[in-house]
Amino acid sequence: MTKPFAVIDNKVFCVGNDDREPVEIGGGISPDGFAIISAFEDGWLWAGYLRDAKGVWWFHARNRKAQFVTSDADGFRVIDDDYGLDSSHVYLEDRNIPGADPETFALVENGTYFAKDRHRIYVKDGSHFFQFEEIDIETVIANGPLIGDANNLFHHSSSLSSINHYRHREQVHFSLEDEHDQLIGAWLAKHHPDIIGWWHRDYPYSADGAEQISDDWYATDNAVFFHETHEHMRGKGEAFNLLRGADPKSFEALDSDHGRDEKNVFCRQRRIRDADPSSFKALGALFGADVKAVYYNGYRVEGADPASFVRFDTTRAYGKDKTSVYAETFDRTSQPFGHPDHVLAPLEGAQTESFQAFGSRGSWAADAKSVYLAGEHKKKLDAASFRFLCETSTNSWAQDKNGLYRANGTMNVAGIDGASFEKMNDFWGSDGKVVFSFITGAIQKAIDTKTFEVTDDAGGARDANAEYRIENGSIKKKKR
């Protein structure tokens, strides 16, 4: 096979395979001192690290331009195609990974997606890359999409999810010895006998005999745990998640989601980095604050003012301070490569003074200028005429002058005139032309709109032809 990159007429080209037309590489790479450091095919497109007299470049044929990486070319090495390492930095393609240590950076043995250094692990697949620090780097172990340490086990899909509740039943994903029917605990005991982890009979942090402190907080003489129960397709599982580094002698539960000892604050099993135990206060649900910052789900809410911050008492997490509104979102926990999780971030453009979240769920929210659904600005909805209507067991309903809207499913309800629609109670509404049921989420074509009226507050109603009642989420009809 022909080399995929070459100098032709004093220019650098991606020549690919023999049947492809050469493409000149832009971006400033020079033929002077040109060399191929590494090359690979990403699908049918060539990519790799190249070198010229200036230094190291990254190229991918999807954009036809080389990106300069580093002038530190001597000793530059490549791991797993698109990790590049010079003497001081680690790069993903052409992007520097802040804080990564090239001296200790390496792939994690037996893992599909994982690398590590002395600080943290790194997770990379075809569409995601992030770093993860909530792990004991000294005892990191992996098996296919599974990664963990002596105390925890995670599974990677689009993010890392704890599977501590299922780890004793999880099977091997990767093996060179035909061990795929083996439980992961037995595989770890065989291949990592030097690590005294949760799979080991002498594991020092067993939750056996743990006594309840409060809510889901438990402790033994040498460890503190947060207890979780999970319902999943394979059944029900529970986990006693170790609070790494927690001191059982000084630990106290602050509420059902937060606890602290003399040195640290915890949100469930996550240690809140840099939180001050002496001034920390639990604010309810996953919210907390100390004198320096506001925290949600164990992560700092960047820019939030703890002195003026308040949270909304809704299932969907909202909060505000004197300058901004914040909403829960699934995003990176830090920039540029923090792992994804549920965090609280500024709701761009929201007005602090007029912002409201509606109902117990908070699916709908609005301020004087904008309407939001699940924390997302709905630009086509009219804030001036917006009105929250009600919540049912399966949905949340709202309207403006242009229509009727549901929170779950297709937002716009077809066939309803928003300007004339009126809510009759939490079961029924009408625009004068049709009757609508909030319980079934549908227009009731068989009901006579002109004679329709509600008869009680439990869903009872009637028209000229029949009586109606709500039973188990459906409408029961009885002729008059």
Protein backbone atom coordinates (compact mmCIF):
# COMPACT_ATOMS: atom_id res chain seq x y z
CA MET A 1 0.00 0.00 0.00
CA THR A 2 1.21 3.50 -0.86
CA LYS A 3 2.02 5.75 2.08
CA PRO A 4 -1.04 7.95 2.75
CA PHE A 5 0.92 11.23 2.88
CA ALA A 6 3.62 12.48 0.51
CA VAL A 7 5.40 15.56 -0.81
CA ILE A 8 4.51 16.29 -4.45
CA ASP A 9 5.85 19.37 -6.30
CA ASN A 10 7.09 20.83 -3.02
CA LYS A 11 3.64 20.55 -1.37
CA VAL A 12 2.25 18.08 1.18
CA PHE A 13 -0.58 15.86 -0.03
CA CYS A 14 -2.88 13.21 1.38
CA VAL A 15 -2.55 10.59 -1.34
CA GLY A 16 -4.61 7.88 0.41
CA ASN A 17 -4.89 4.59 -1.39
CA ASP A 18 -3.88 4.14 -5.00
CA ASP A 19 -7.42 4.71 -6.31
CA ARG A 20 -7.90 8.11 -4.64
CA GLU A 21 -7.07 11.51 -6.05
CA PRO A 22 -4.29 13.26 -4.04
CA VAL A 23 -5.56 16.17 -1.91
CA GLU A 24 -3.28 19.02 -0.93
CA ILE A 25 -3.09 19.54 2.83
CA GLY A 26 -3.64 23.15 3.88
CA GLY A 27 -3.13 24.87 7.20
CA GLY A 28 0.52 25.78 6.81
CA ILE A 29 2.34 22.46 7.02
CA SER A 30 5.64 22.59 5.07
CA PRO A 31 7.47 20.04 2.92
CA ASP A 32 10.65 21.11 4.70
CA GLY A 33 11.59 18.22 7.00
CA PHE A 34 8.29 16.45 6.31
CA ALA A 35 7.76 13.03 7.89
CA ILE A 36 4.88 10.79 8.90
CA ILE A 37 4.80 10.13 12.66
CA SER A 38 1.64 8.00 12.57
CA ALA A 39 -1.27 7.36 10.21
CA PHE A 40 -4.54 5.44 10.37
CA GLU A 41 -7.83 5.16 8.49
CA ASP A 42 -10.89 6.55 10.29
CA GLY A 43 -13.53 4.84 8.21
CA TRP A 44 -12.35 5.68 4.70
CA LEU A 45 -10.63 8.95 5.70
CA TRP A 46 -6.94 9.16 6.54
CA ALA A 47 -5.74 10.85 9.72
CA GLY A 48 -2.59 11.02 11.79
CA TYR A 49 0.29 12.99 13.23
CA LEU A 50 2.75 14.56 10.78
CA ARG A 51 5.98 16.47 11.20
CA ASP A 52 7.81 19.27 9.43
CA ALA A 53 10.64 21.61 10.36
CA LYS A 54 8.32 23.63 12.62
CA GLY A 55 7.08 20.71 14.69
CA VAL A 56 4.17 18.27 14.96
CA TRP A 57 0.84 18.61 13.14
CA TRP A 58 -2.48 16.78 13.35
CA PHE A 59 -4.38 16.03 10.17
CA HIS A 60 -7.77 14.51 9.45
CA ALA A 61 -9.08 14.31 5.90
CA ARG A 62 -12.55 15.49 6.93
CA ASN A 63 -11.33 19.12 6.88
CA ARG A 64 -8.26 18.95 4.58
CA LYS A 65 -6.23 21.23 6.86
CA ALA A 66 -3.44 20.28 9.22
CA GLN A 67 -3.58 21.75 12.75
CA PHE A 68 -0.35 22.65 14.48
CA VAL A 69 0.15 20.74 17.74
CA THR A 70 3.59 21.39 19.24
CA SER A 71 7.13 22.44 18.41
CA ASP A 72 8.38 19.83 20.91
CA ALA A 73 8.79 17.17 18.21
CA ASP A 74 11.77 15.19 19.48
CA GLY A 75 10.46 12.14 21.27
CA PHE A 76 6.84 12.85 20.30
CA ARG A 77 4.89 9.62 20.54
CA VAL A 78 1.40 8.41 19.72
CA ILE A 79 -0.96 6.17 21.70
CA ASP A 80 -4.15 4.68 20.32
CA ASP A 81 -4.03 6.66 17.04
CA ASP A 82 -5.13 10.09 18.29
CA TYR A 83 -3.43 10.60 21.65
CA GLY A 84 -0.19 12.55 21.09
CA LEU A 85 2.44 13.07 23.78
CA ASP A 86 5.39 15.44 23.93
CA SER A 87 7.66 16.02 26.90
CA SER A 88 5.17 18.24 28.76
CA HIS A 89 1.68 17.66 27.38
CA VAL A 90 -0.86 15.09 26.22
CA TYR A 91 -3.04 15.92 23.23
CA LEU A 92 -6.26 14.53 21.85
CA GLU A 93 -5.74 15.10 18.15
CA ASP A 94 -4.59 18.76 18.19
CA ARG A 95 -6.16 19.76 21.54
CA ASN A 96 -4.12 19.93 24.71
CA ILE A 97 -5.65 17.93 27.58
CA PRO A 98 -5.12 20.26 30.57
CA GLY A 99 -3.34 18.63 33.49
CA ALA A 100 -2.63 15.32 31.75
CA ASP A 101 0.77 13.85 32.64
CA PRO A 102 2.71 12.49 29.62
CA GLU A 103 5.16 10.65 31.85
CA THR A 104 2.51 8.33 33.33
CA PHE A 105 -0.12 8.43 30.57
CA ALA A 106 -1.02 4.96 29.27
CA LEU A 107 -3.96 2.84 28.15
CA VAL A 108 -5.75 0.87 30.87
CA GLU A 109 -5.16 -2.83 30.35
CA ASN A 110 -8.18 -4.88 29.17
CA GLY A 111 -10.33 -1.76 28.73
CA THR A 112 -12.05 -0.70 25.52
CA TYR A 113 -12.17 3.07 26.00
CA PHE A 114 -9.84 3.99 28.83
CA ALA A 115 -6.50 5.62 29.50
CA LYS A 116 -5.00 6.88 32.75
CA ASP A 117 -2.19 8.89 34.27
CA ARG A 118 -1.26 9.55 37.87
CA HIS A 119 -4.14 12.01 38.28
CA ARG A 120 -7.28 10.54 36.66
CA ILE A 121 -8.72 8.34 33.93
CA TYR A 122 -9.63 9.40 30.38
CA VAL A 123 -12.56 7.99 28.41
CA LYS A 124 -12.62 8.06 24.61
CA ASP A 125 -14.92 6.44 22.07
CA GLY A 126 -16.01 7.40 18.56
CA SER A 127 -18.10 10.38 19.68
CA HIS A 128 -17.20 11.17 23.30
CA PHE A 129 -14.12 12.17 25.24
CA PHE A 130 -13.95 13.16 28.89
CA GLN A 131 -11.83 12.82 31.99
CA PHE A 132 -13.00 11.35 35.29
CA GLU A 133 -11.46 11.92 38.71
CA GLU A 134 -13.89 10.15 41.05
CA ILE A 135 -11.75 7.02 41.09
CA ASP A 136 -8.77 5.66 43.00
CA ILE A 137 -6.07 5.76 40.35
CA GLU A 138 -3.83 3.37 42.31
CA THR A 139 -6.36 0.53 42.01
CA VAL A 140 -7.90 1.18 38.57
CA ILE A 141 -9.10 -1.96 36.80
CA ALA A 142 -11.00 -2.38 33.49
CA ASN A 143 -12.79 -5.00 31.47
CA GLY A 144 -14.21 -3.95 28.10
CA PRO A 145 -16.68 -1.09 28.80
CA LEU A 146 -16.35 -1.60 32.57
CA ILE A 147 -13.92 0.39 34.69
CA GLY A 148 -13.57 0.75 38.41
CA ASP A 149 -11.30 0.63 41.40
CA ALA A 150 -11.12 -1.29 44.65
CA ASN A 151 -14.44 0.24 45.79
CA ASN A 152 -16.58 0.92 42.70
CA LEU A 153 -17.56 -0.37 39.29
CA PHE A 154 -18.73 1.82 36.38
CA HIS A 155 -20.10 1.11 32.92
CA HIS A 156 -19.39 3.39 29.96
CA SER A 157 -21.97 4.31 27.33
CA SER A 158 -22.28 8.06 26.69
CA SER A 159 -21.03 8.69 30.23
CA LEU A 160 -19.82 6.63 33.18
CA SER A 161 -22.63 5.14 35.25
CA SER A 162 -22.15 3.42 38.58
CA ILE A 163 -23.24 -0.21 38.58
CA ASN A 164 -22.34 -0.97 42.19
CA HIS A 165 -25.89 -2.22 42.65
CA TYR A 166 -25.28 -4.90 40.01
CA ARG A 167 -21.56 -5.63 40.26
CA HIS A 168 -21.94 -8.99 41.98
CA ARG A 169 -24.02 -10.21 39.02
CA GLU A 170 -22.15 -8.45 36.20
CA GLN A 171 -20.37 -10.76 33.75
CA VAL A 172 -17.05 -10.46 31.96
CA HIS A 173 -17.10 -8.35 28.78
CA PHE A 174 -13.49 -8.79 27.62
CA SER A 175 -11.32 -11.88 27.85
CA LEU A 176 -8.52 -13.52 25.91
CA GLU A 177 -9.11 -16.77 27.77
CA ASP A 178 -12.75 -17.59 26.94
CA GLU A 179 -14.04 -16.30 30.30
CA HIS A 180 -17.14 -14.46 29.09
CA ASP A 181 -19.51 -16.58 31.19
CA GLN A 182 -17.57 -15.70 34.32
CA LEU A 183 -18.76 -13.11 36.84
CA ILE A 184 -16.64 -9.96 36.84
CA GLY A 185 -15.86 -10.38 40.54
CA ALA A 186 -14.31 -13.80 39.93
CA TRP A 187 -12.40 -12.46 36.93
CA LEU A 188 -10.98 -9.58 38.99
CA ALA A 189 -9.96 -11.96 41.77
CA LYS A 190 -8.09 -14.08 39.21
CA HIS A 191 -6.42 -11.32 37.21
CA HIS A 192 -5.88 -8.72 39.98
CA PRO A 193 -4.99 -10.75 43.07
CA ASP A 194 -2.75 -7.90 44.28
CA ILE A 195 -5.73 -5.51 44.73
CA ILE A 196 -7.85 -6.06 47.84
CA GLY A 197 -11.07 -4.80 46.26
CA TRP A 198 -14.80 -5.32 46.73
CA TRP A 199 -14.46 -8.74 45.11
CA HIS A 200 -11.91 -9.92 47.67
CA ARG A 201 -12.88 -11.85 50.81
CA ASP A 202 -10.56 -9.63 52.89
CA TYR A 203 -11.94 -6.34 51.52
CA PRO A 204 -11.64 -3.92 54.46
CA TYR A 205 -14.66 -1.73 53.67
CA SER A 206 -17.49 -4.25 53.63
CA ALA A 207 -20.91 -2.83 54.54
CA ASP A 208 -21.78 -5.99 56.49
CA GLY A 209 -23.03 -4.92 59.89
CA ALA A 210 -23.31 -1.25 58.93
CA GLU A 211 -25.66 0.73 61.15
CA GLN A 212 -28.01 3.41 59.88
CA ILE A 213 -27.08 6.97 60.80
CA SER A 214 -30.05 8.64 59.11
CA ASP A 215 -32.02 8.22 55.87
CA ASP A 216 -29.63 6.40 53.47
CA TRP A 217 -26.47 7.11 55.47
CA TYR A 218 -24.79 4.09 57.08
CA ALA A 219 -21.50 3.51 58.87
CA THR A 220 -19.23 0.81 60.26
CA ASP A 221 -16.27 1.33 62.56
CA ASN A 222 -14.02 2.24 59.62
CA ALA A 223 -16.26 3.44 56.78
CA VAL A 224 -19.31 5.53 55.82
CA PHE A 225 -21.77 4.51 53.07
CA PHE A 226 -24.59 5.98 51.05
CA HIS A 227 -27.26 3.39 50.32
CA GLU A 228 -29.12 3.26 46.99
CA THR A 229 -31.78 0.97 45.58
CA HIS A 230 -32.16 0.59 41.81
CA GLU A 231 -35.00 -0.83 39.73
CA HIS A 232 -33.78 -2.09 36.36
CA MET A 233 -34.65 -4.55 33.61
CA ARG A 234 -32.73 -7.33 35.31
CA GLY A 235 -34.51 -6.84 38.62
CA LYS A 236 -33.87 -4.87 41.76
CA GLY A 237 -30.45 -4.13 43.19
CA GLU A 238 -29.02 -2.19 46.09
CA ALA A 239 -25.63 -0.68 46.73
CA PHE A 240 -23.79 0.58 49.78
CA ASN A 241 -21.52 3.13 48.10
CA LEU A 242 -18.35 3.89 50.05
CA LEU A 243 -17.65 7.55 50.84
CA ARG A 244 -13.97 7.51 50.06
CA GLY A 245 -11.98 9.22 52.79
CA ALA A 246 -14.94 9.86 55.12
CA ASP A 247 -14.27 9.64 58.84
CA PRO A 248 -17.04 7.64 60.57
CA LYS A 249 -16.19 9.16 63.96
CA SER A 250 -16.85 12.76 62.92
CA PHE A 251 -19.37 12.15 60.13
CA GLU A 252 -22.85 13.65 60.43
CA ALA A 253 -25.83 13.58 58.08
CA LEU A 254 -27.09 17.06 57.14
CA ASP A 255 -30.13 15.88 55.17
CA SER A 256 -31.01 12.90 52.99
CA ASP A 257 -28.47 13.89 50.32
CA HIS A 258 -25.64 15.68 52.16
CA GLY A 259 -23.25 14.81 54.96
CA ARG A 260 -19.92 16.00 56.30
CA ASP A 261 -17.03 15.09 58.53
CA GLU A 262 -14.27 17.29 59.93
CA LYS A 263 -12.50 17.68 56.57
CA ASN A 264 -14.99 17.04 53.76
CA VAL A 265 -18.56 17.53 52.57
CA PHE A 266 -20.35 14.82 50.59
CA CYS A 267 -23.34 14.86 48.24
CA ARG A 268 -24.43 11.25 48.46
CA GLN A 269 -21.19 9.34 47.81
CA ARG A 270 -19.48 12.20 45.95
CA ARG A 271 -16.98 14.34 47.82
CA ILE A 272 -17.67 18.01 47.04
CA ARG A 273 -14.34 19.42 45.98
CA ASP A 274 -13.19 22.47 47.98
CA ALA A 275 -16.43 22.73 49.99
CA ASP A 276 -16.00 24.16 53.51
CA PRO A 277 -17.42 21.75 56.11
CA SER A 278 -17.73 24.39 58.82
CA SER A 279 -19.97 26.74 56.81
CA PHE A 280 -21.72 24.26 54.50
CA LYS A 281 -25.52 24.17 54.60
CA ALA A 282 -27.84 21.72 52.85
CA LEU A 283 -30.49 23.69 50.92
CA GLY A 284 -32.77 20.76 50.11
CA ALA A 285 -32.70 18.13 47.36
CA LEU A 286 -29.23 18.15 45.71
CA PHE A 287 -28.55 21.83 46.54
CA GLY A 288 -26.01 23.07 49.06
CA ALA A 289 -23.87 26.11 49.77
CA ASP A 290 -21.00 27.34 51.89
CA VAL A 291 -19.67 30.86 52.35
CA LYS A 292 -17.79 30.67 49.04
CA ALA A 293 -20.03 28.87 46.55
CA VAL A 294 -23.27 27.12 45.65
CA TYR A 295 -23.25 23.42 44.80
CA TYR A 296 -25.62 21.11 42.95
CA ASN A 297 -25.29 17.33 42.76
CA GLY A 298 -21.86 17.71 44.32
CA TYR A 299 -20.56 20.13 41.67
CA ARG A 300 -19.86 23.83 42.05
CA VAL A 301 -22.38 26.13 40.33
CA GLU A 302 -20.05 28.51 38.55
CA GLY A 303 -20.81 32.17 39.20
CA ALA A 304 -23.65 31.60 41.68
CA ASP A 305 -23.76 33.90 44.71
CA PRO A 306 -24.35 31.91 47.93
CA ALA A 307 -25.57 34.97 49.85
CA SER A 308 -28.55 35.58 47.55
CA PHE A 309 -29.13 32.11 46.08
CA VAL A 310 -32.51 30.41 46.49
CA ARG A 311 -33.78 27.19 44.96
CA PHE A 312 -37.23 26.49 43.53
CA ASP A 313 -39.20 23.72 45.21
CA THR A 314 -39.81 21.72 42.03
CA THR A 315 -38.69 18.30 40.83
CA ARG A 316 -36.79 19.87 37.95
CA ALA A 317 -33.96 21.79 39.53
CA TYR A 318 -34.02 25.57 39.24
CA GLY A 319 -32.37 28.25 41.33
CA LYS A 320 -31.63 31.95 41.17
CA ASP A 321 -29.47 34.59 42.79
CA LYS A 322 -29.42 38.38 42.48
CA THR A 323 -28.13 38.31 38.90
CA SER A 324 -28.94 34.99 37.22
CA VAL A 325 -31.33 32.06 36.90
CA TYR A 326 -29.92 28.52 36.88
CA ALA A 327 -31.41 25.30 35.54
CA GLU A 328 -30.42 21.67 35.67
CA THR A 329 -28.85 20.27 32.52
CA PHE A 330 -26.82 17.24 31.52
CA ASP A 331 -23.47 18.68 30.54
CA ARG A 332 -19.75 18.58 31.24
CA THR A 333 -18.92 19.04 34.91
CA SER A 334 -15.96 21.23 33.95
CA GLN A 335 -14.44 22.65 30.78
CA PRO A 336 -13.06 21.60 28.44
CA PHE A 337 -13.12 17.84 29.13
CA GLY A 338 -15.00 17.23 32.39
CA HIS A 339 -17.18 14.13 32.51
CA PRO A 340 -20.91 14.63 31.76
CA ASP A 341 -23.42 14.62 34.60
CA HIS A 342 -26.41 16.53 35.93
CA VAL A 343 -25.21 20.05 36.74
CA LEU A 344 -26.78 23.46 37.36
CA ALA A 345 -25.92 26.05 34.73
CA PRO A 346 -27.05 29.60 33.92
CA LEU A 347 -30.31 29.77 31.97
CA GLU A 348 -29.20 32.20 29.31
CA GLY A 349 -31.34 35.31 29.01
CA ALA A 350 -33.68 34.45 31.89
CA GLN A 351 -34.87 37.38 34.03
CA THR A 352 -34.24 36.85 37.73
CA GLU A 353 -37.02 39.05 39.09
CA SER A 354 -39.88 37.66 37.01
CA PHE A 355 -38.79 34.01 36.62
CA GLN A 356 -41.26 31.35 37.82
CA ALA A 357 -41.28 27.55 37.69
CA PHE A 358 -44.74 25.98 37.66
CA GLY A 359 -46.31 22.99 39.33
CA SER A 360 -44.57 20.40 41.47
CA ARG A 361 -42.49 19.11 38.57
CA GLY A 362 -41.35 22.44 37.14
CA SER A 363 -41.58 21.20 33.56
CA TRP A 364 -42.84 24.62 32.51
CA ALA A 365 -41.20 27.89 33.53
CA ALA A 366 -41.44 31.47 32.33
CA ASP A 367 -40.32 35.04 32.89
CA ALA A 368 -41.64 38.31 31.48
CA LYS A 369 -40.01 37.70 28.08
CA SER A 370 -39.63 33.95 27.59
CA VAL A 371 -41.18 30.53 28.13
CA TYR A 372 -39.12 27.46 29.01
CA LEU A 373 -39.87 23.74 28.76
CA ALA A 374 -37.54 21.39 30.65
CA GLY A 375 -35.02 24.21 30.94
CA GLU A 376 -35.05 24.98 27.21
CA HIS A 377 -36.19 28.32 25.79
CA LYS A 378 -39.22 27.84 23.54
CA LYS A 379 -38.89 30.81 21.23
CA LYS A 380 -42.23 30.34 19.45
CA LEU A 381 -44.30 30.51 22.63
CA ASP A 382 -45.69 33.89 23.67
CA ALA A 383 -44.65 34.88 27.20
CA ALA A 384 -47.20 37.68 27.48
CA SER A 385 -50.19 35.34 27.08
CA PHE A 386 -48.57 32.20 28.53
CA ARG A 387 -50.51 30.43 31.27
CA PHE A 388 -49.65 27.25 33.15
CA LEU A 389 -52.78 25.08 33.43
CA CYS A 390 -52.23 21.92 35.45
CA GLU A 391 -50.32 18.69 35.98
CA THR A 392 -51.68 15.18 35.59
CA SER A 393 -50.00 11.90 36.46
CA THR A 394 -48.41 11.74 33.00
CA ASN A 395 -48.14 15.31 31.74
CA SER A 396 -48.01 19.05 32.39
CA TRP A 397 -50.23 21.44 30.43
CA ALA A 398 -49.92 25.08 29.40
CA GLN A 399 -51.32 27.50 26.82
CA ASP A 400 -50.73 30.84 25.14
CA LYS A 401 -52.77 32.79 22.60
CA ASN A 402 -51.57 30.50 19.83
CA GLY A 403 -52.25 27.05 21.23
CA LEU A 404 -52.39 24.35 23.91
CA TYR A 405 -49.18 22.58 24.89
CA ARG A 406 -48.06 19.43 26.66
CA ALA A 407 -44.68 18.90 28.35
CA ASN A 408 -44.25 15.24 27.36
CA GLY A 409 -44.64 14.07 23.78
CA THR A 410 -45.43 16.35 20.85
CA MET A 411 -45.60 19.80 22.41
CA ASN A 412 -48.36 21.35 20.26
CA VAL A 413 -51.86 19.94 20.66
CA ALA A 414 -53.45 20.02 17.21
CA GLY A 415 -57.00 21.30 16.77
CA ILE A 416 -57.16 23.68 19.75
CA ASP A 417 -57.56 27.46 19.53
CA GLY A 418 -55.29 28.86 22.24
CA ALA A 419 -56.88 32.29 22.28
CA SER A 420 -60.30 30.96 23.26
CA PHE A 421 -59.29 27.85 25.21
CA GLU A 422 -60.35 27.83 28.87
CA LYS A 423 -59.47 25.36 31.58
CA MET A 424 -62.65 24.17 33.32
CA ASN A 425 -60.83 22.17 36.01
CA ASP A 426 -57.84 19.81 36.20
CA PHE A 427 -59.73 17.27 34.06
CA TRP A 428 -61.44 19.24 31.32
CA GLY A 429 -61.02 22.26 29.06
CA SER A 430 -62.65 23.70 25.95
CA ASP A 431 -62.10 26.33 23.27
CA GLY A 432 -65.84 26.56 22.54
CA LYS A 433 -65.58 24.27 19.52
CA VAL A 434 -64.21 21.06 21.05
CA VAL A 435 -63.81 19.55 24.53
CA PHE A 436 -60.35 18.46 25.65
CA SER A 437 -59.41 15.98 28.37
CA PHE A 438 -56.19 16.67 30.30
CA ILE A 439 -56.29 13.08 31.58
CA THR A 440 -56.31 11.34 28.20
CA GLY A 441 -54.50 14.18 26.43
CA ALA A 442 -56.96 14.19 23.54
CA ILE A 443 -59.89 16.06 22.02
CA GLN A 444 -63.18 14.32 22.82
CA LYS A 445 -64.93 14.42 19.46
CA ALA A 446 -68.03 12.56 20.67
CA ILE A 447 -68.84 15.16 23.36
CA ASP A 448 -71.34 17.92 22.55
CA THR A 449 -69.39 21.09 23.25
CA LYS A 450 -72.39 23.44 23.46
CA THR A 451 -74.06 21.52 26.31
CA PHE A 452 -70.95 20.20 28.06
CA GLU A 453 -70.42 21.10 31.72
CA VAL A 454 -68.43 19.77 34.67
CA THR A 455 -70.42 18.35 37.57
CA ASP A 456 -67.81 17.83 40.31
CA ASP A 457 -64.14 18.24 41.13
CA ALA A 458 -63.34 14.54 40.62
CA GLY A 459 -63.64 14.53 36.82
CA GLY A 460 -67.42 14.21 36.55
CA ALA A 461 -69.10 15.96 33.60
CA ARG A 462 -72.09 15.75 31.27
CA ASP A 463 -73.56 16.96 28.02
CA ALA A 464 -77.04 16.63 26.53
CA ASN A 465 -76.47 12.99 25.66
CA ALA A 466 -74.34 11.40 28.38
CA GLU A 467 -72.60 11.60 31.72
CA TYR A 468 -68.84 11.19 32.03
CA ARG A 469 -66.46 10.18 34.79
CA ILE A 470 -62.72 9.55 35.00
CA GLU A 471 -61.69 6.06 36.01
CA ASN A 472 -58.08 4.70 36.00
CA GLY A 473 -56.94 7.31 33.51
CA SER A 474 -59.75 6.83 31.02
CA ILE A 475 -63.16 8.36 30.39
CA LYS A 476 -66.24 6.29 31.22
CA LYS A 477 -69.47 7.26 29.44
CA LYS A 478 -73.06 6.61 30.52
CA LYS A 479 -76.03 7.54 28.37
CA ARG A 480 -78.53 9.91 29.94
